[in-house]
Amino acid sequence: MGYTEAELSILVVDDEEMARLNLQYRGIDHATDVLSFPMLEGEFGGVASHMLGDVVISAETARIMSRESGAPFESVLDLLLIHGILHLLGLNHEEGPAQARKVKFKTEELLSMLGHDGKVFEWFFEEENCQDSL
């Protein structure tokens, strides 16, 4: 994706912490699957161009998604990490159908690079989880 020397931080939390972060930063009072905090955007976006930002994943929500979809837990974590990273890079499914298709295609491509069949995650793009994450 053109960021071979970039850094990001990954934090895996429980639903309680995710709900706290979601409320604090988005004003939404419940847990979500993944949050992204980009450092390439905003007023100080150029300060540390090698820092992509932070991705926060709810392990509890990922476990529920795994159970409900039948996808292995580790695969769901990969999916959420990719989804979060794409948000760090400015790809946002909430900006309309064309952008949503681009996010879906790129997610499937990256999942494939990790050895997953991206088509197995169709449920993710149809659920509100995808519409609610950042």
C-alpha atoms as a PDB file:
ATOM      1  CA  MET A   1       0.000   0.000   0.000  1.00  0.00           C
ATOM      2  CA  GLY A   2       3.059   2.213  -0.261  1.00  0.00           C
ATOM      3  CA  TYR A   3       3.914   2.412   3.430  1.00  0.00           C
ATOM      4  CA  THR A   4       6.757  -0.084   3.758  1.00  0.00           C
ATOM      5  CA  GLU A   5       8.538   1.923   6.460  1.00  0.00           C
ATOM      6  CA  ALA A   6       5.464   3.069   8.373  1.00  0.00           C
ATOM      7  CA  GLU A   7       4.422   2.291  11.935  1.00  0.00           C
ATOM      8  CA  LEU A   8       1.095   1.813  13.615  1.00  0.00           C
ATOM      9  CA  SER A   9      -0.017   0.759  17.031  1.00  0.00           C
ATOM     10  CA  ILE A  10      -2.553  -1.976  17.663  1.00  0.00           C
ATOM     11  CA  LEU A  11      -4.524  -2.201  20.862  1.00  0.00           C
ATOM     12  CA  VAL A  12      -6.843  -5.117  21.628  1.00  0.00           C
ATOM     13  CA  VAL A  13      -9.414  -4.312  24.301  1.00  0.00           C
ATOM     14  CA  ASP A  14     -12.625  -5.658  25.844  1.00  0.00           C
ATOM     15  CA  ASP A  15     -16.079  -4.284  25.035  1.00  0.00           C
ATOM     16  CA  GLU A  16     -16.139  -2.085  28.130  1.00  0.00           C
ATOM     17  CA  GLU A  17     -13.006  -0.222  27.069  1.00  0.00           C
ATOM     18  CA  MET A  18     -14.162  -0.076  23.451  1.00  0.00           C
ATOM     19  CA  ALA A  19     -17.480   1.455  24.539  1.00  0.00           C
ATOM     20  CA  ARG A  20     -15.587   4.038  26.611  1.00  0.00           C
ATOM     21  CA  LEU A  21     -13.369   4.975  23.646  1.00  0.00           C
ATOM     22  CA  ASN A  22     -16.303   5.041  21.236  1.00  0.00           C
ATOM     23  CA  LEU A  23     -18.189   7.395  23.539  1.00  0.00           C
ATOM     24  CA  GLN A  24     -15.168   9.604  24.195  1.00  0.00           C
ATOM     25  CA  TYR A  25     -14.091  10.013  20.567  1.00  0.00           C
ATOM     26  CA  ARG A  26     -17.282   9.496  18.562  1.00  0.00           C
ATOM     27  CA  GLY A  27     -20.090  10.250  21.004  1.00  0.00           C
ATOM     28  CA  ILE A  28     -21.557   6.770  20.484  1.00  0.00           C
ATOM     29  CA  ASP A  29     -22.385   5.016  23.738  1.00  0.00           C
ATOM     30  CA  HIS A  30     -21.712   1.354  22.897  1.00  0.00           C
ATOM     31  CA  ALA A  31     -18.881  -0.917  21.861  1.00  0.00           C
ATOM     32  CA  THR A  32     -17.930  -1.328  18.223  1.00  0.00           C
ATOM     33  CA  ASP A  33     -15.638  -3.794  16.479  1.00  0.00           C
ATOM     34  CA  VAL A  34     -12.740  -1.528  15.468  1.00  0.00           C
ATOM     35  CA  LEU A  35     -11.721   2.105  15.839  1.00  0.00           C
ATOM     36  CA  SER A  36      -8.997   3.875  13.912  1.00  0.00           C
ATOM     37  CA  PHE A  37      -7.157   7.000  14.940  1.00  0.00           C
ATOM     38  CA  PRO A  38      -5.203   8.259  11.915  1.00  0.00           C
ATOM     39  CA  MET A  39      -2.109  10.361  12.380  1.00  0.00           C
ATOM     40  CA  LEU A  40      -1.721  11.269   8.691  1.00  0.00           C
ATOM     41  CA  GLU A  41      -4.762  13.570   8.775  1.00  0.00           C
ATOM     42  CA  GLY A  42      -5.677  16.746  10.553  1.00  0.00           C
ATOM     43  CA  GLU A  43      -3.741  19.737  11.751  1.00  0.00           C
ATOM     44  CA  PHE A  44      -0.627  17.761  12.687  1.00  0.00           C
ATOM     45  CA  GLY A  45      -0.847  15.171   9.895  1.00  0.00           C
ATOM     46  CA  GLY A  46       2.604  15.981   8.517  1.00  0.00           C
ATOM     47  CA  VAL A  47       4.486  15.897  11.820  1.00  0.00           C
ATOM     48  CA  ALA A  48       5.398  12.196  11.747  1.00  0.00           C
ATOM     49  CA  SER A  49       4.690  10.904   8.243  1.00  0.00           C
ATOM     50  CA  HIS A  50       5.966   7.429   9.169  1.00  0.00           C
ATOM     51  CA  MET A  51       3.248   7.028  11.844  1.00  0.00           C
ATOM     52  CA  LEU A  52      -0.036   5.778  10.386  1.00  0.00           C
ATOM     53  CA  GLY A  53      -1.921   5.917  13.676  1.00  0.00           C
ATOM     54  CA  ASP A  54      -3.692   3.580  16.082  1.00  0.00           C
ATOM     55  CA  VAL A  55      -6.082   0.677  15.502  1.00  0.00           C
ATOM     56  CA  VAL A  56      -8.178  -0.499  18.448  1.00  0.00           C
ATOM     57  CA  ILE A  57      -9.952  -3.862  18.167  1.00  0.00           C
ATOM     58  CA  SER A  58     -12.545  -5.276  20.543  1.00  0.00           C
ATOM     59  CA  ALA A  59     -11.619  -8.908  21.221  1.00  0.00           C
ATOM     60  CA  GLU A  60     -15.046  -9.557  22.726  1.00  0.00           C
ATOM     61  CA  THR A  61     -16.864  -8.270  19.659  1.00  0.00           C
ATOM     62  CA  ALA A  62     -14.464 -10.182  17.395  1.00  0.00           C
ATOM     63  CA  ARG A  63     -15.257 -13.364  19.349  1.00  0.00           C
ATOM     64  CA  ILE A  64     -18.992 -12.793  18.886  1.00  0.00           C
ATOM     65  CA  MET A  65     -18.489 -12.116  15.175  1.00  0.00           C
ATOM     66  CA  SER A  66     -16.482 -15.328  14.929  1.00  0.00           C
ATOM     67  CA  ARG A  67     -19.160 -17.365  16.664  1.00  0.00           C
ATOM     68  CA  GLU A  68     -22.010 -15.894  14.633  1.00  0.00           C
ATOM     69  CA  SER A  69     -20.266 -16.151  11.248  1.00  0.00           C
ATOM     70  CA  GLY A  70     -18.389 -19.414  11.763  1.00  0.00           C
ATOM     71  CA  ALA A  71     -15.126 -17.686  10.763  1.00  0.00           C
ATOM     72  CA  PRO A  72     -12.096 -18.522  12.922  1.00  0.00           C
ATOM     73  CA  PHE A  73     -11.421 -15.934  15.644  1.00  0.00           C
ATOM     74  CA  GLU A  74      -7.917 -15.229  14.297  1.00  0.00           C
ATOM     75  CA  SER A  75      -9.377 -14.595  10.836  1.00  0.00           C
ATOM     76  CA  VAL A  76     -11.849 -12.092  12.252  1.00  0.00           C
ATOM     77  CA  LEU A  77      -8.975 -10.322  14.016  1.00  0.00           C
ATOM     78  CA  ASP A  78      -7.137 -10.122  10.673  1.00  0.00           C
ATOM     79  CA  LEU A  79     -10.282  -8.741   9.037  1.00  0.00           C
ATOM     80  CA  LEU A  80     -10.724  -6.062  11.691  1.00  0.00           C
ATOM     81  CA  LEU A  81      -7.061  -5.101  11.599  1.00  0.00           C
ATOM     82  CA  ILE A  82      -7.160  -4.695   7.821  1.00  0.00           C
ATOM     83  CA  HIS A  83     -10.376  -2.713   8.077  1.00  0.00           C
ATOM     84  CA  GLY A  84      -8.809  -0.430  10.671  1.00  0.00           C
ATOM     85  CA  ILE A  85      -5.632   0.060   8.648  1.00  0.00           C
ATOM     86  CA  LEU A  86      -7.629   0.983   5.549  1.00  0.00           C
ATOM     87  CA  HIS A  87      -9.329   3.679   7.601  1.00  0.00           C
ATOM     88  CA  LEU A  88      -5.911   4.933   8.726  1.00  0.00           C
ATOM     89  CA  LEU A  89      -5.007   5.284   5.046  1.00  0.00           C
ATOM     90  CA  GLY A  90      -8.118   7.311   4.315  1.00  0.00           C
ATOM     91  CA  LEU A  91     -10.321   4.626   2.757  1.00  0.00           C
ATOM     92  CA  ASN A  92     -13.805   5.023   4.170  1.00  0.00           C
ATOM     93  CA  HIS A  93     -16.805   2.875   3.255  1.00  0.00           C
ATOM     94  CA  GLU A  94     -19.142   5.545   4.634  1.00  0.00           C
ATOM     95  CA  GLU A  95     -18.331   7.957   1.783  1.00  0.00           C
ATOM     96  CA  GLY A  96     -20.674   6.286  -0.679  1.00  0.00           C
ATOM     97  CA  PRO A  97     -21.084   3.113  -2.730  1.00  0.00           C
ATOM     98  CA  ALA A  98     -17.992   3.576  -4.914  1.00  0.00           C
ATOM     99  CA  GLN A  99     -15.734   4.014  -1.896  1.00  0.00           C
ATOM    100  CA  ALA A 100     -17.449   1.099  -0.102  1.00  0.00           C
ATOM    101  CA  ARG A 101     -16.710  -1.147  -3.107  1.00  0.00           C
ATOM    102  CA  LYS A 102     -13.088  -0.002  -3.075  1.00  0.00           C
ATOM    103  CA  VAL A 103     -12.771  -0.786   0.652  1.00  0.00           C
ATOM    104  CA  LYS A 104     -14.350  -4.212   0.117  1.00  0.00           C
ATOM    105  CA  PHE A 105     -12.064  -5.018  -2.831  1.00  0.00           C
ATOM    106  CA  LYS A 106      -8.927  -3.909  -0.983  1.00  0.00           C
ATOM    107  CA  THR A 107      -9.965  -5.815   2.151  1.00  0.00           C
ATOM    108  CA  GLU A 108     -10.479  -9.007   0.146  1.00  0.00           C
ATOM    109  CA  GLU A 109      -7.136  -8.489  -1.610  1.00  0.00           C
ATOM    110  CA  LEU A 110      -5.264  -8.054   1.664  1.00  0.00           C
ATOM    111  CA  LEU A 111      -7.055 -10.971   3.316  1.00  0.00           C
ATOM    112  CA  SER A 112      -6.009 -13.107   0.362  1.00  0.00           C
ATOM    113  CA  MET A 113      -2.386 -12.029   0.874  1.00  0.00           C
ATOM    114  CA  LEU A 114      -2.708 -13.355   4.441  1.00  0.00           C
ATOM    115  CA  GLY A 115      -4.054 -16.677   3.179  1.00  0.00           C
ATOM    116  CA  HIS A 116      -7.766 -16.044   3.751  1.00  0.00           C
ATOM    117  CA  ASP A 117     -10.572 -16.322   1.234  1.00  0.00           C
ATOM    118  CA  GLY A 118     -11.938 -12.781   1.372  1.00  0.00           C
ATOM    119  CA  LYS A 119     -15.298 -13.948   0.005  1.00  0.00           C
ATOM    120  CA  VAL A 120     -15.830 -15.798   3.299  1.00  0.00           C
ATOM    121  CA  PHE A 121     -16.302 -12.392   4.933  1.00  0.00           C
ATOM    122  CA  GLU A 122     -19.226 -11.188   2.790  1.00  0.00           C
ATOM    123  CA  TRP A 123     -21.313 -11.038   5.970  1.00  0.00           C
ATOM    124  CA  PHE A 124     -19.050  -8.301   7.295  1.00  0.00           C
ATOM    125  CA  PHE A 125     -19.839  -5.928   4.462  1.00  0.00           C
ATOM    126  CA  GLU A 126     -23.568  -6.528   4.791  1.00  0.00           C
ATOM    127  CA  GLU A 127     -23.815  -6.046   8.569  1.00  0.00           C
ATOM    128  CA  GLU A 128     -24.181  -2.857  10.535  1.00  0.00           C
ATOM    129  CA  ASN A 129     -20.781  -3.607  12.120  1.00  0.00           C
ATOM    130  CA  CYS A 130     -19.120  -2.410   8.964  1.00  0.00           C
ATOM    131  CA  GLN A 131     -21.350   0.660   8.847  1.00  0.00           C
ATOM    132  CA  ASP A 132     -20.576   1.542  12.467  1.00  0.00           C
ATOM    133  CA  SER A 133     -16.808   1.134  12.568  1.00  0.00           C
ATOM    134  CA  LEU A 134     -14.350   3.896  11.939  1.00  0.00           C
END
